[in-house]
PDB file of N, CA and C in Angstrom:
ATOM      1  N   MET A   1     -26.252  56.102 187.436  1.00  0.00           N
ATOM      2  CA  MET A   1     -26.517  55.017 186.515  1.00  0.00           C
ATOM      3  C   MET A   1     -25.172  54.488 186.012  1.00  0.00           C
ATOM      4  N   HIS A   2     -24.996  53.189 186.070  1.00  0.00           N
ATOM      5  CA  HIS A   2     -23.761  52.591 185.566  1.00  0.00           C
ATOM      6  C   HIS A   2     -23.700  52.747 184.058  1.00  0.00           C
ATOM      7  N   LYS A   3     -22.517  53.045 183.571  1.00  0.00           N
ATOM      8  CA  LYS A   3     -22.393  53.303 182.138  1.00  0.00           C
ATOM      9  C   LYS A   3     -22.782  52.093 181.304  1.00  0.00           C
ATOM     10  N   GLU A   4     -22.678  50.899 181.869  1.00  0.00           N
ATOM     11  CA  GLU A   4     -23.080  49.689 181.147  1.00  0.00           C
ATOM     12  C   GLU A   4     -24.588  49.652 180.904  1.00  0.00           C
ATOM     13  N   ARG A   5     -25.347  50.351 181.714  1.00  0.00           N
ATOM     14  CA  ARG A   5     -26.809  50.341 181.609  1.00  0.00           C
ATOM     15  C   ARG A   5     -27.359  51.451 180.715  1.00  0.00           C
ATOM     16  N   ILE A   6     -26.553  52.438 180.406  1.00  0.00           N
ATOM     17  CA  ILE A   6     -27.061  53.611 179.695  1.00  0.00           C
ATOM     18  C   ILE A   6     -27.624  53.231 178.330  1.00  0.00           C
ATOM     19  N   ILE A   7     -26.927  52.392 177.573  1.00  0.00           N
ATOM     20  CA  ILE A   7     -27.428  51.985 176.255  1.00  0.00           C
ATOM     21  C   ILE A   7     -28.722  51.193 176.412  1.00  0.00           C
ATOM     22  N   GLN A   8     -28.784  50.307 177.402  1.00  0.00           N
ATOM     23  CA  GLN A   8     -30.006  49.531 177.625  1.00  0.00           C
ATOM     24  C   GLN A   8     -31.178  50.439 177.972  1.00  0.00           C
ATOM     25  N   VAL A   9     -30.949  51.392 178.850  1.00  0.00           N
ATOM     26  CA  VAL A   9     -32.014  52.324 179.229  1.00  0.00           C
ATOM     27  C   VAL A   9     -32.454  53.137 178.017  1.00  0.00           C
ATOM     28  N   GLY A  10     -31.503  53.604 177.220  1.00  0.00           N
ATOM     29  CA  GLY A  10     -31.842  54.349 176.008  1.00  0.00           C
ATOM     30  C   GLY A  10     -32.679  53.528 175.046  1.00  0.00           C
ATOM     31  N   ALA A  11     -32.329  52.257 174.889  1.00  0.00           N
ATOM     32  CA  ALA A  11     -33.085  51.385 173.988  1.00  0.00           C
ATOM     33  C   ALA A  11     -34.504  51.148 174.503  1.00  0.00           C
ATOM     34  N   VAL A  12     -34.642  50.923 175.802  1.00  0.00           N
ATOM     35  CA  VAL A  12     -35.979  50.732 176.382  1.00  0.00           C
ATOM     36  C   VAL A  12     -36.802  52.010 176.240  1.00  0.00           C
ATOM     37  N   LEU A  13     -36.188  53.154 176.505  1.00  0.00           N
ATOM     38  CA  LEU A  13     -36.899  54.429 176.343  1.00  0.00           C
ATOM     39  C   LEU A  13     -37.315  54.648 174.896  1.00  0.00           C
ATOM     40  N   GLY A  14     -36.475  54.248 173.947  1.00  0.00           N
ATOM     41  CA  GLY A  14     -36.833  54.352 172.535  1.00  0.00           C
ATOM     42  C   GLY A  14     -38.017  53.471 172.195  1.00  0.00           C
ATOM     43  N   ALA A  15     -38.005  52.235 172.684  1.00  0.00           N
ATOM     44  CA  ALA A  15     -39.128  51.327 172.447  1.00  0.00           C
ATOM     45  C   ALA A  15     -40.414  51.887 173.049  1.00  0.00           C
ATOM     46  N   LEU A  16     -40.318  52.439 174.253  1.00  0.00           N
ATOM     47  CA  LEU A  16     -41.494  53.043 174.884  1.00  0.00           C
ATOM     48  C   LEU A  16     -42.003  54.234 174.086  1.00  0.00           C
ATOM     49  N   ALA A  17     -41.098  55.044 173.562  1.00  0.00           N
ATOM     50  CA  ALA A  17     -41.516  56.200 172.760  1.00  0.00           C
ATOM     51  C   ALA A  17     -42.279  55.754 171.520  1.00  0.00           C
ATOM     52  N   VAL A  18     -41.786  54.721 170.859  1.00  0.00           N
ATOM     53  CA  VAL A  18     -42.480  54.208 169.674  1.00  0.00           C
ATOM     54  C   VAL A  18     -43.843  53.644 170.068  1.00  0.00           C
ATOM     55  N   GLY A  19     -43.884  52.868 171.139  1.00  0.00           N
ATOM     56  CA  GLY A  19     -45.149  52.289 171.590  1.00  0.00           C
ATOM     57  C   GLY A  19     -46.163  53.333 172.013  1.00  0.00           C
ATOM     58  N   ILE A  20     -45.721  54.312 172.784  1.00  0.00           N
ATOM     59  CA  ILE A  20     -46.619  55.382 173.231  1.00  0.00           C
ATOM     60  C   ILE A  20     -47.086  56.200 172.040  1.00  0.00           C
ATOM     61  N   GLY A  21     -46.182  56.489 171.115  1.00  0.00           N
ATOM     62  CA  GLY A  21     -46.560  57.233 169.916  1.00  0.00           C
ATOM     63  C   GLY A  21     -47.580  56.487 169.080  1.00  0.00           C
ATOM     64  N   ALA A  22     -47.377  55.183 168.906  1.00  0.00           N
ATOM     65  CA  ALA A  22     -48.323  54.371 168.138  1.00  0.00           C
ATOM     66  C   ALA A  22     -49.675  54.306 168.839  1.00  0.00           C
ATOM     67  N   PHE A  23     -49.661  54.152 170.155  1.00  0.00           N
ATOM     68  CA  PHE A  23     -50.918  54.111 170.907  1.00  0.00           C
ATOM     69  C   PHE A  23     -51.659  55.437 170.785  1.00  0.00           C
ATOM     70  N   GLY A  24     -50.912  56.532 170.842  1.00  0.00           N
ATOM     71  CA  GLY A  24     -51.534  57.845 170.676  1.00  0.00           C
ATOM     72  C   GLY A  24     -52.119  58.033 169.292  1.00  0.00           C
ATOM     73  N   ALA A  25     -51.404  57.559 168.276  1.00  0.00           N
ATOM     74  CA  ALA A  25     -51.857  57.736 166.892  1.00  0.00           C
ATOM     75  C   ALA A  25     -53.012  56.813 166.529  1.00  0.00           C
ATOM     76  N   HIS A  26     -53.068  55.639 167.128  1.00  0.00           N
ATOM     77  CA  HIS A  26     -54.075  54.661 166.730  1.00  0.00           C
ATOM     78  C   HIS A  26     -55.156  54.434 167.782  1.00  0.00           C
ATOM     79  N   GLY A  27     -54.771  54.382 169.043  1.00  0.00           N
ATOM     80  CA  GLY A  27     -55.745  54.081 170.086  1.00  0.00           C
ATOM     81  C   GLY A  27     -56.393  55.294 170.720  1.00  0.00           C
ATOM     82  N   LEU A  28     -55.672  56.403 170.718  1.00  0.00           N
ATOM     83  CA  LEU A  28     -56.168  57.599 171.409  1.00  0.00           C
ATOM     84  C   LEU A  28     -56.449  58.764 170.476  1.00  0.00           C
ATOM     85  N   ALA A  29     -56.221  58.581 169.185  1.00  0.00           N
ATOM     86  CA  ALA A  29     -56.287  59.699 168.234  1.00  0.00           C
ATOM     87  C   ALA A  29     -57.607  60.454 168.307  1.00  0.00           C
ATOM     88  N   ASP A  30     -58.721  59.740 168.286  1.00  0.00           N
ATOM     89  CA  ASP A  30     -60.028  60.409 168.299  1.00  0.00           C
ATOM     90  C   ASP A  30     -60.226  61.221 169.573  1.00  0.00           C
ATOM     91  N   MET A  31     -59.908  60.619 170.723  1.00  0.00           N
ATOM     92  CA  MET A  31     -60.075  61.320 171.994  1.00  0.00           C
ATOM     93  C   MET A  31     -59.174  62.548 172.064  1.00  0.00           C
ATOM     94  N   LEU A  32     -57.902  62.388 171.678  1.00  0.00           N
ATOM     95  CA  LEU A  32     -56.962  63.505 171.747  1.00  0.00           C
ATOM     96  C   LEU A  32     -57.377  64.633 170.807  1.00  0.00           C
ATOM     97  N   GLU A  33     -57.830  64.284 169.610  1.00  0.00           N
ATOM     98  CA  GLU A  33     -58.298  65.302 168.655  1.00  0.00           C
ATOM     99  C   GLU A  33     -59.536  66.008 169.185  1.00  0.00           C
ATOM    100  N   MET A  34     -60.477  65.240 169.704  1.00  0.00           N
ATOM    101  CA  MET A  34     -61.728  65.803 170.201  1.00  0.00           C
ATOM    102  C   MET A  34     -61.467  66.789 171.349  1.00  0.00           C
ATOM    103  N   GLN A  35     -60.486  66.481 172.173  1.00  0.00           N
ATOM    104  CA  GLN A  35     -60.171  67.339 173.314  1.00  0.00           C
ATOM    105  C   GLN A  35     -59.124  68.401 172.977  1.00  0.00           C
ATOM    106  N   GLY A  36     -58.656  68.418 171.741  1.00  0.00           N
ATOM    107  CA  GLY A  36     -57.675  69.414 171.328  1.00  0.00           C
ATOM    108  C   GLY A  36     -56.310  69.226 171.950  1.00  0.00           C
ATOM    109  N   ARG A  37     -55.963  67.980 172.269  1.00  0.00           N
ATOM    110  CA  ARG A  37     -54.689  67.723 172.948  1.00  0.00           C
ATOM    111  C   ARG A  37     -53.731  66.852 172.139  1.00  0.00           C
ATOM    112  N   ALA A  38     -54.058  66.585 170.888  1.00  0.00           N
ATOM    113  CA  ALA A  38     -53.202  65.714 170.073  1.00  0.00           C
ATOM    114  C   ALA A  38     -51.806  66.309 169.898  1.00  0.00           C
ATOM    115  N   GLU A  39     -51.742  67.607 169.658  1.00  0.00           N
ATOM    116  CA  GLU A  39     -50.440  68.251 169.448  1.00  0.00           C
ATOM    117  C   GLU A  39     -49.581  68.187 170.712  1.00  0.00           C
ATOM    118  N   THR A  40     -50.196  68.356 171.862  1.00  0.00           N
ATOM    119  CA  THR A  40     -49.472  68.271 173.132  1.00  0.00           C
ATOM    120  C   THR A  40     -48.900  66.873 173.320  1.00  0.00           C
ATOM    121  N   PHE A  41     -49.720  65.863 173.046  1.00  0.00           N
ATOM    122  CA  PHE A  41     -49.279  64.478 173.163  1.00  0.00           C
ATOM    123  C   PHE A  41     -48.117  64.211 172.212  1.00  0.00           C
ATOM    124  N   GLU A  42     -48.243  64.676 170.970  1.00  0.00           N
ATOM    125  CA  GLU A  42     -47.190  64.480 169.969  1.00  0.00           C
ATOM    126  C   GLU A  42     -45.882  65.152 170.382  1.00  0.00           C
ATOM    127  N   THR A  43     -45.978  66.320 171.004  1.00  0.00           N
ATOM    128  CA  THR A  43     -44.770  66.994 171.493  1.00  0.00           C
ATOM    129  C   THR A  43     -44.073  66.133 172.540  1.00  0.00           C
ATOM    130  N   GLY A  44     -44.848  65.560 173.440  1.00  0.00           N
ATOM    131  CA  GLY A  44     -44.273  64.663 174.444  1.00  0.00           C
ATOM    132  C   GLY A  44     -43.554  63.487 173.815  1.00  0.00           C
ATOM    133  N   VAL A  45     -44.188  62.889 172.799  1.00  0.00           N
ATOM    134  CA  VAL A  45     -43.585  61.737 172.124  1.00  0.00           C
ATOM    135  C   VAL A  45     -42.301  62.142 171.405  1.00  0.00           C
ATOM    136  N   LYS A  46     -42.319  63.280 170.723  1.00  0.00           N
ATOM    137  CA  LYS A  46     -41.124  63.727 169.989  1.00  0.00           C
ATOM    138  C   LYS A  46     -39.931  63.906 170.926  1.00  0.00           C
ATOM    139  N   TYR A  47     -40.134  64.645 172.004  1.00  0.00           N
ATOM    140  CA  TYR A  47     -39.024  64.895 172.923  1.00  0.00           C
ATOM    141  C   TYR A  47     -38.594  63.620 173.637  1.00  0.00           C
ATOM    142  N   HIS A  48     -39.554  62.746 173.914  1.00  0.00           N
ATOM    143  CA  HIS A  48     -39.240  61.447 174.505  1.00  0.00           C
ATOM    144  C   HIS A  48     -38.300  60.691 173.564  1.00  0.00           C
ATOM    145  N   PHE A  49     -38.658  60.626 172.288  1.00  0.00           N
ATOM    146  CA  PHE A  49     -37.851  59.877 171.332  1.00  0.00           C
ATOM    147  C   PHE A  49     -36.489  60.534 171.093  1.00  0.00           C
ATOM    148  N   TYR A  50     -36.477  61.863 170.951  1.00  0.00           N
ATOM    149  CA  TYR A  50     -35.198  62.558 170.755  1.00  0.00           C
ATOM    150  C   TYR A  50     -34.220  62.220 171.877  1.00  0.00           C
ATOM    151  N   HIS A  51     -34.734  62.206 173.091  1.00  0.00           N
ATOM    152  CA  HIS A  51     -33.833  62.025 174.225  1.00  0.00           C
ATOM    153  C   HIS A  51     -33.573  60.554 174.531  1.00  0.00           C
ATOM    154  N   ALA A  52     -34.396  59.651 174.021  1.00  0.00           N
ATOM    155  CA  ALA A  52     -34.035  58.230 174.041  1.00  0.00           C
ATOM    156  C   ALA A  52     -32.821  58.028 173.135  1.00  0.00           C
ATOM    157  N   LEU A  53     -32.845  58.679 171.969  1.00  0.00           N
ATOM    158  CA  LEU A  53     -31.678  58.626 171.076  1.00  0.00           C
ATOM    159  C   LEU A  53     -30.462  59.280 171.730  1.00  0.00           C
ATOM    160  N   ALA A  54     -30.695  60.367 172.452  1.00  0.00           N
ATOM    161  CA  ALA A  54     -29.595  61.027 173.164  1.00  0.00           C
ATOM    162  C   ALA A  54     -28.992  60.084 174.198  1.00  0.00           C
ATOM    163  N   MET A  55     -29.837  59.301 174.869  1.00  0.00           N
ATOM    164  CA  MET A  55     -29.327  58.324 175.841  1.00  0.00           C
ATOM    165  C   MET A  55     -28.446  57.291 175.142  1.00  0.00           C
ATOM    166  N   LEU A  56     -28.847  56.858 173.951  1.00  0.00           N
ATOM    167  CA  LEU A  56     -28.003  55.922 173.199  1.00  0.00           C
ATOM    168  C   LEU A  56     -26.660  56.568 172.870  1.00  0.00           C
ATOM    169  N   LEU A  57     -26.697  57.825 172.451  1.00  0.00           N
ATOM    170  CA  LEU A  57     -25.465  58.566 172.167  1.00  0.00           C
ATOM    171  C   LEU A  57     -24.588  58.638 173.413  1.00  0.00           C
ATOM    172  N   VAL A  58     -25.182  58.961 174.531  1.00  0.00           N
ATOM    173  CA  VAL A  58     -24.433  59.053 175.787  1.00  0.00           C
ATOM    174  C   VAL A  58     -23.854  57.685 176.151  1.00  0.00           C
ATOM    175  N   GLY A  59     -24.627  56.630 175.913  1.00  0.00           N
ATOM    176  CA  GLY A  59     -24.124  55.282 176.174  1.00  0.00           C
ATOM    177  C   GLY A  59     -22.902  54.959 175.334  1.00  0.00           C
ATOM    178  N   ILE A  60     -22.947  55.343 174.071  1.00  0.00           N
ATOM    179  CA  ILE A  60     -21.794  55.129 173.191  1.00  0.00           C
ATOM    180  C   ILE A  60     -20.616  55.981 173.653  1.00  0.00           C
ATOM    181  N   LEU A  61     -20.890  57.230 174.001  1.00  0.00           N
ATOM    182  CA  LEU A  61     -19.822  58.105 174.494  1.00  0.00           C
ATOM    183  C   LEU A  61     -19.207  57.571 175.783  1.00  0.00           C
ATOM    184  N   SER A  62     -20.014  56.881 176.593  1.00  0.00           N
ATOM    185  CA  SER A  62     -19.487  56.353 177.857  1.00  0.00           C
ATOM    186  C   SER A  62     -18.440  55.269 177.619  1.00  0.00           C
ATOM    187  N   LEU A  63     -18.430  54.692 176.430  1.00  0.00           N
ATOM    188  CA  LEU A  63     -17.432  53.674 176.105  1.00  0.00           C
ATOM    189  C   LEU A  63     -16.085  54.292 175.744  1.00  0.00           C
ATOM    190  N   LEU A  64     -16.094  55.584 175.433  1.00  0.00           N
ATOM    191  CA  LEU A  64     -14.859  56.302 175.134  1.00  0.00           C
ATOM    192  C   LEU A  64     -14.224  56.759 176.438  1.00  0.00           C
ATOM    193  N   LYS A  65     -13.038  57.276 176.339  1.00  0.00           N
ATOM    194  CA  LYS A  65     -12.355  57.743 177.548  1.00  0.00           C
ATOM    195  C   LYS A  65     -12.735  59.195 177.824  1.00  0.00           C
ATOM    196  N   LEU A  66     -13.994  59.394 178.154  1.00  0.00           N
ATOM    197  CA  LEU A  66     -14.480  60.721 178.518  1.00  0.00           C
ATOM    198  C   LEU A  66     -14.683  60.768 180.020  1.00  0.00           C
ATOM    199  N   GLN A  67     -14.772  61.969 180.543  1.00  0.00           N
ATOM    200  CA  GLN A  67     -14.991  62.121 181.981  1.00  0.00           C
ATOM    201  C   GLN A  67     -16.339  61.500 182.346  1.00  0.00           C
ATOM    202  N   GLU A  68     -16.257  60.413 183.060  1.00  0.00           N
ATOM    203  CA  GLU A  68     -17.429  59.601 183.362  1.00  0.00           C
ATOM    204  C   GLU A  68     -18.494  60.355 184.151  1.00  0.00           C
ATOM    205  N   LYS A  69     -18.079  61.240 185.047  1.00  0.00           N
ATOM    206  CA  LYS A  69     -19.066  61.940 185.874  1.00  0.00           C
ATOM    207  C   LYS A  69     -20.026  62.757 185.017  1.00  0.00           C
ATOM    208  N   TRP A  70     -19.524  63.380 183.945  1.00  0.00           N
ATOM    209  CA  TRP A  70     -20.389  64.198 183.089  1.00  0.00           C
ATOM    210  C   TRP A  70     -21.308  63.329 182.239  1.00  0.00           C
ATOM    211  N   ILE A  71     -20.801  62.198 181.802  1.00  0.00           N
ATOM    212  CA  ILE A  71     -21.616  61.275 181.012  1.00  0.00           C
ATOM    213  C   ILE A  71     -22.761  60.733 181.865  1.00  0.00           C
ATOM    214  N   LYS A  72     -22.446  60.325 183.086  1.00  0.00           N
ATOM    215  CA  LYS A  72     -23.490  59.809 183.979  1.00  0.00           C
ATOM    216  C   LYS A  72     -24.518  60.888 184.305  1.00  0.00           C
ATOM    217  N   ARG A  73     -24.046  62.092 184.558  1.00  0.00           N
ATOM    218  CA  ARG A  73     -24.976  63.190 184.849  1.00  0.00           C
ATOM    219  C   ARG A  73     -25.913  63.434 183.672  1.00  0.00           C
ATOM    220  N   SER A  74     -25.354  63.421 182.466  1.00  0.00           N
ATOM    221  CA  SER A  74     -26.199  63.663 181.295  1.00  0.00           C
ATOM    222  C   SER A  74     -27.251  62.569 181.154  1.00  0.00           C
ATOM    223  N   ALA A  75     -26.877  61.327 181.415  1.00  0.00           N
ATOM    224  CA  ALA A  75     -27.842  60.227 181.324  1.00  0.00           C
ATOM    225  C   ALA A  75     -28.987  60.426 182.311  1.00  0.00           C
ATOM    226  N   TRP A  76     -28.653  60.762 183.551  1.00  0.00           N
ATOM    227  CA  TRP A  76     -29.693  60.983 184.563  1.00  0.00           C
ATOM    228  C   TRP A  76     -30.577  62.176 184.205  1.00  0.00           C
ATOM    229  N   LEU A  77     -29.969  63.225 183.688  1.00  0.00           N
ATOM    230  CA  LEU A  77     -30.749  64.411 183.321  1.00  0.00           C
ATOM    231  C   LEU A  77     -31.667  64.140 182.135  1.00  0.00           C
ATOM    232  N   PHE A  78     -31.201  63.377 181.147  1.00  0.00           N
ATOM    233  CA  PHE A  78     -32.078  63.017 180.028  1.00  0.00           C
ATOM    234  C   PHE A  78     -33.239  62.151 180.515  1.00  0.00           C
ATOM    235  N   LEU A  79     -32.951  61.217 181.409  1.00  0.00           N
ATOM    236  CA  LEU A  79     -34.013  60.379 181.968  1.00  0.00           C
ATOM    237  C   LEU A  79     -35.019  61.230 182.739  1.00  0.00           C
ATOM    238  N   ALA A  80     -34.520  62.129 183.572  1.00  0.00           N
ATOM    239  CA  ALA A  80     -35.409  63.025 184.323  1.00  0.00           C
ATOM    240  C   ALA A  80     -36.227  63.893 183.379  1.00  0.00           C
ATOM    241  N   GLY A  81     -35.605  64.383 182.323  1.00  0.00           N
ATOM    242  CA  GLY A  81     -36.320  65.202 181.348  1.00  0.00           C
ATOM    243  C   GLY A  81     -37.447  64.447 180.683  1.00  0.00           C
ATOM    244  N   ILE A  82     -37.195  63.189 180.313  1.00  0.00           N
ATOM    245  CA  ILE A  82     -38.250  62.385 179.692  1.00  0.00           C
ATOM    246  C   ILE A  82     -39.402  62.188 180.666  1.00  0.00           C
ATOM    247  N   VAL A  83     -39.085  61.834 181.901  1.00  0.00           N
ATOM    248  CA  VAL A  83     -40.138  61.597 182.893  1.00  0.00           C
ATOM    249  C   VAL A  83     -40.929  62.875 183.163  1.00  0.00           C
ATOM    250  N   ILE A  84     -40.236  63.989 183.384  1.00  0.00           N
ATOM    251  CA  ILE A  84     -40.920  65.229 183.763  1.00  0.00           C
ATOM    252  C   ILE A  84     -41.556  65.913 182.558  1.00  0.00           C
ATOM    253  N   PHE A  85     -40.801  66.124 181.483  1.00  0.00           N
ATOM    254  CA  PHE A  85     -41.317  66.847 180.321  1.00  0.00           C
ATOM    255  C   PHE A  85     -42.361  66.009 179.587  1.00  0.00           C
ATOM    256  N   SER A  86     -41.924  64.879 179.066  1.00  0.00           N
ATOM    257  CA  SER A  86     -42.852  64.057 178.288  1.00  0.00           C
ATOM    258  C   SER A  86     -43.942  63.470 179.174  1.00  0.00           C
ATOM    259  N   GLY A  87     -43.564  63.010 180.354  1.00  0.00           N
ATOM    260  CA  GLY A  87     -44.557  62.432 181.265  1.00  0.00           C
ATOM    261  C   GLY A  87     -45.664  63.401 181.619  1.00  0.00           C
ATOM    262  N   SER A  88     -45.299  64.645 181.925  1.00  0.00           N
ATOM    263  CA  SER A  88     -46.335  65.630 182.267  1.00  0.00           C
ATOM    264  C   SER A  88     -47.221  65.930 181.063  1.00  0.00           C
ATOM    265  N   LEU A  89     -46.643  65.952 179.858  1.00  0.00           N
ATOM    266  CA  LEU A  89     -47.456  66.186 178.660  1.00  0.00           C
ATOM    267  C   LEU A  89     -48.378  65.007 178.375  1.00  0.00           C
ATOM    268  N   TYR A  90     -47.912  63.785 178.611  1.00  0.00           N
ATOM    269  CA  TYR A  90     -48.776  62.616 178.425  1.00  0.00           C
ATOM    270  C   TYR A  90     -49.967  62.679 179.377  1.00  0.00           C
ATOM    271  N   VAL A  91     -49.680  62.916 180.651  1.00  0.00           N
ATOM    272  CA  VAL A  91     -50.757  62.946 181.646  1.00  0.00           C
ATOM    273  C   VAL A  91     -51.703  64.112 181.374  1.00  0.00           C
ATOM    274  N   LEU A  92     -51.168  65.273 181.045  1.00  0.00           N
ATOM    275  CA  LEU A  92     -51.992  66.433 180.698  1.00  0.00           C
ATOM    276  C   LEU A  92     -52.896  66.107 179.516  1.00  0.00           C
ATOM    277  N   SER A  93     -52.346  65.479 178.489  1.00  0.00           N
ATOM    278  CA  SER A  93     -53.121  65.143 177.297  1.00  0.00           C
ATOM    279  C   SER A  93     -54.244  64.164 177.597  1.00  0.00           C
ATOM    280  N   LEU A  94     -53.982  63.221 178.471  1.00  0.00           N
ATOM    281  CA  LEU A  94     -54.963  62.176 178.757  1.00  0.00           C
ATOM    282  C   LEU A  94     -55.992  62.576 179.800  1.00  0.00           C
ATOM    283  N   THR A  95     -55.613  63.464 180.717  1.00  0.00           N
ATOM    284  CA  THR A  95     -56.513  63.782 181.827  1.00  0.00           C
ATOM    285  C   THR A  95     -57.055  65.201 181.812  1.00  0.00           C
ATOM    286  N   GLY A  96     -56.353  66.097 181.144  1.00  0.00           N
ATOM    287  CA  GLY A  96     -56.764  67.500 181.162  1.00  0.00           C
ATOM    288  C   GLY A  96     -56.351  68.235 182.425  1.00  0.00           C
ATOM    289  N   ILE A  97     -55.507  67.629 183.242  1.00  0.00           N
ATOM    290  CA  ILE A  97     -55.024  68.285 184.463  1.00  0.00           C
ATOM    291  C   ILE A  97     -54.030  69.365 184.036  1.00  0.00           C
ATOM    292  N   THR A  98     -54.514  70.587 183.956  1.00  0.00           N
ATOM    293  CA  THR A  98     -53.729  71.663 183.351  1.00  0.00           C
ATOM    294  C   THR A  98     -52.548  72.133 184.202  1.00  0.00           C
ATOM    295  N   TRP A  99     -52.595  71.970 185.515  1.00  0.00           N
ATOM    296  CA  TRP A  99     -51.486  72.444 186.337  1.00  0.00           C
ATOM    297  C   TRP A  99     -50.201  71.679 186.039  1.00  0.00           C
ATOM    298  N   LEU A 100     -50.325  70.514 185.400  1.00  0.00           N
ATOM    299  CA  LEU A 100     -49.117  69.773 185.030  1.00  0.00           C
ATOM    300  C   LEU A 100     -48.268  70.541 184.029  1.00  0.00           C
ATOM    301  N   GLY A 101     -48.907  71.432 183.272  1.00  0.00           N
ATOM    302  CA  GLY A 101     -48.158  72.269 182.340  1.00  0.00           C
ATOM    303  C   GLY A 101     -47.129  73.137 183.045  1.00  0.00           C
ATOM    304  N   ALA A 102     -47.349  73.398 184.322  1.00  0.00           N
ATOM    305  CA  ALA A 102     -46.407  74.224 185.088  1.00  0.00           C
ATOM    306  C   ALA A 102     -45.111  73.482 185.413  1.00  0.00           C
ATOM    307  N   ILE A 103     -45.145  72.151 185.442  1.00  0.00           N
ATOM    308  CA  ILE A 103     -43.908  71.418 185.747  1.00  0.00           C
ATOM    309  C   ILE A 103     -43.162  70.981 184.484  1.00  0.00           C
ATOM    310  N   THR A 104     -43.829  71.034 183.341  1.00  0.00           N
ATOM    311  CA  THR A 104     -43.202  70.630 182.078  1.00  0.00           C
ATOM    312  C   THR A 104     -41.877  71.350 181.824  1.00  0.00           C
ATOM    313  N   PRO A 105     -41.791  72.669 182.047  1.00  0.00           N
ATOM    314  CA  PRO A 105     -40.515  73.353 181.794  1.00  0.00           C
ATOM    315  C   PRO A 105     -39.341  72.822 182.617  1.00  0.00           C
ATOM    316  N   PHE A 106     -39.615  72.255 183.784  1.00  0.00           N
ATOM    317  CA  PHE A 106     -38.527  71.677 184.576  1.00  0.00           C
ATOM    318  C   PHE A 106     -37.893  70.497 183.834  1.00  0.00           C
ATOM    319  N   GLY A 107     -38.716  69.752 183.121  1.00  0.00           N
ATOM    320  CA  GLY A 107     -38.179  68.683 182.280  1.00  0.00           C
ATOM    321  C   GLY A 107     -37.340  69.238 181.146  1.00  0.00           C
ATOM    322  N   GLY A 108     -37.789  70.356 180.573  1.00  0.00           N
ATOM    323  CA  GLY A 108     -37.013  71.013 179.522  1.00  0.00           C
ATOM    324  C   GLY A 108     -35.664  71.484 180.025  1.00  0.00           C
ATOM    325  N   VAL A 109     -35.649  72.000 181.238  1.00  0.00           N
ATOM    326  CA  VAL A 109     -34.379  72.429 181.846  1.00  0.00           C
ATOM    327  C   VAL A 109     -33.470  71.214 182.055  1.00  0.00           C
ATOM    328  N   ALA A 110     -34.046  70.084 182.454  1.00  0.00           N
ATOM    329  CA  ALA A 110     -33.238  68.867 182.613  1.00  0.00           C
ATOM    330  C   ALA A 110     -32.631  68.444 181.275  1.00  0.00           C
ATOM    331  N   PHE A 111     -33.412  68.546 180.188  1.00  0.00           N
ATOM    332  CA  PHE A 111     -32.869  68.233 178.860  1.00  0.00           C
ATOM    333  C   PHE A 111     -31.682  69.139 178.532  1.00  0.00           C
ATOM    334  N   ILE A 112     -31.876  70.425 178.736  1.00  0.00           N
ATOM    335  CA  ILE A 112     -30.810  71.392 178.438  1.00  0.00           C
ATOM    336  C   ILE A 112     -29.568  71.093 179.276  1.00  0.00           C
ATOM    337  N   ALA A 113     -29.770  70.859 180.565  1.00  0.00           N
ATOM    338  CA  ALA A 113     -28.641  70.553 181.451  1.00  0.00           C
ATOM    339  C   ALA A 113     -27.942  69.264 181.013  1.00  0.00           C
ATOM    340  N   GLY A 114     -28.707  68.297 180.538  1.00  0.00           N
ATOM    341  CA  GLY A 114     -28.118  67.054 180.042  1.00  0.00           C
ATOM    342  C   GLY A 114     -27.196  67.292 178.862  1.00  0.00           C
ATOM    343  N   TRP A 115     -27.644  68.150 177.938  1.00  0.00           N
ATOM    344  CA  TRP A 115     -26.800  68.474 176.784  1.00  0.00           C
ATOM    345  C   TRP A 115     -25.551  69.242 177.214  1.00  0.00           C
ATOM    346  N   VAL A 116     -25.681  70.116 178.197  1.00  0.00           N
ATOM    347  CA  VAL A 116     -24.509  70.838 178.712  1.00  0.00           C
ATOM    348  C   VAL A 116     -23.522  69.842 179.329  1.00  0.00           C
ATOM    349  N   CYS A 117     -24.028  68.853 180.042  1.00  0.00           N
ATOM    350  CA  CYS A 117     -23.143  67.837 180.625  1.00  0.00           C
ATOM    351  C   CYS A 117     -22.407  67.049 179.542  1.00  0.00           C
ATOM    352  N   VAL A 118     -23.089  66.747 178.437  1.00  0.00           N
ATOM    353  CA  VAL A 118     -22.407  66.069 177.328  1.00  0.00           C
ATOM    354  C   VAL A 118     -21.262  66.946 176.828  1.00  0.00           C
ATOM    355  N   ALA A 119     -21.521  68.238 176.711  1.00  0.00           N
ATOM    356  CA  ALA A 119     -20.483  69.169 176.249  1.00  0.00           C
ATOM    357  C   ALA A 119     -19.316  69.248 177.231  1.00  0.00           C
ATOM    358  N   MET A 120     -19.583  69.054 178.504  1.00  0.00           N
ATOM    359  CA  MET A 120     -18.541  69.151 179.529  1.00  0.00           C
ATOM    360  C   MET A 120     -17.668  67.899 179.609  1.00  0.00           C
ATOM    361  N   ALA A 121     -18.122  66.807 179.029  1.00  0.00           N
ATOM    362  CA  ALA A 121     -17.376  65.542 179.111  1.00  0.00           C
ATOM    363  C   ALA A 121     -16.158  65.612 178.205  1.00  0.00           C
ATOM    364  N   LYS A 122     -15.038  65.863 178.807  1.00  0.00           N
ATOM    365  CA  LYS A 122     -13.788  65.990 178.054  1.00  0.00           C
ATOM    366  C   LYS A 122     -13.074  64.644 177.983  1.00  0.00           C
ATOM    367  N   TYR A 123     -12.319  64.501 176.933  1.00  0.00           N
ATOM    368  CA  TYR A 123     -11.536  63.284 176.728  1.00  0.00           C
ATOM    369  C   TYR A 123     -10.437  63.192 177.780  1.00  0.00           C
ATOM    370  N   GLU A 124     -10.347  62.023 178.401  1.00  0.00           N
ATOM    371  CA  GLU A 124      -9.277  61.771 179.381  1.00  0.00           C
ATOM    372  C   GLU A 124      -8.294  60.780 178.773  1.00  0.00           C
ATOM    373  N   GLY A 125      -7.395  61.250 177.967  1.00  0.00           N
ATOM    374  CA  GLY A 125      -6.495  60.356 177.231  1.00  0.00           C
ATOM    375  C   GLY A 125      -5.281  59.949 177.950  1.00  0.00           C
TER     376      GLY A 125
END
């Protein structure tokens, strides 16, 4: 991902997190509560939003003289984490397909790896 796009992607992901969260709270609340999946859905939204903010942080960091390879890796890993972690929780919450819970941790690992990449991005002065 080009560093110029990281802030844009983070902003779009943030908007999607707010929209999905609002839809879950207002449009799907009764169904999610009835099926006992509201908490799962909310977890997906929380991590989605946290890592949309992380993408914005990475975008800002990409403007500094940091090692670009680590910044780009972190952006891709945060994006993958949102898709895999939050995405699997959204689909699980809406469909009840329980085997998706088995892939959710892979998204969590992507989040962790993304944060490690941020830590690895050293200043190139």
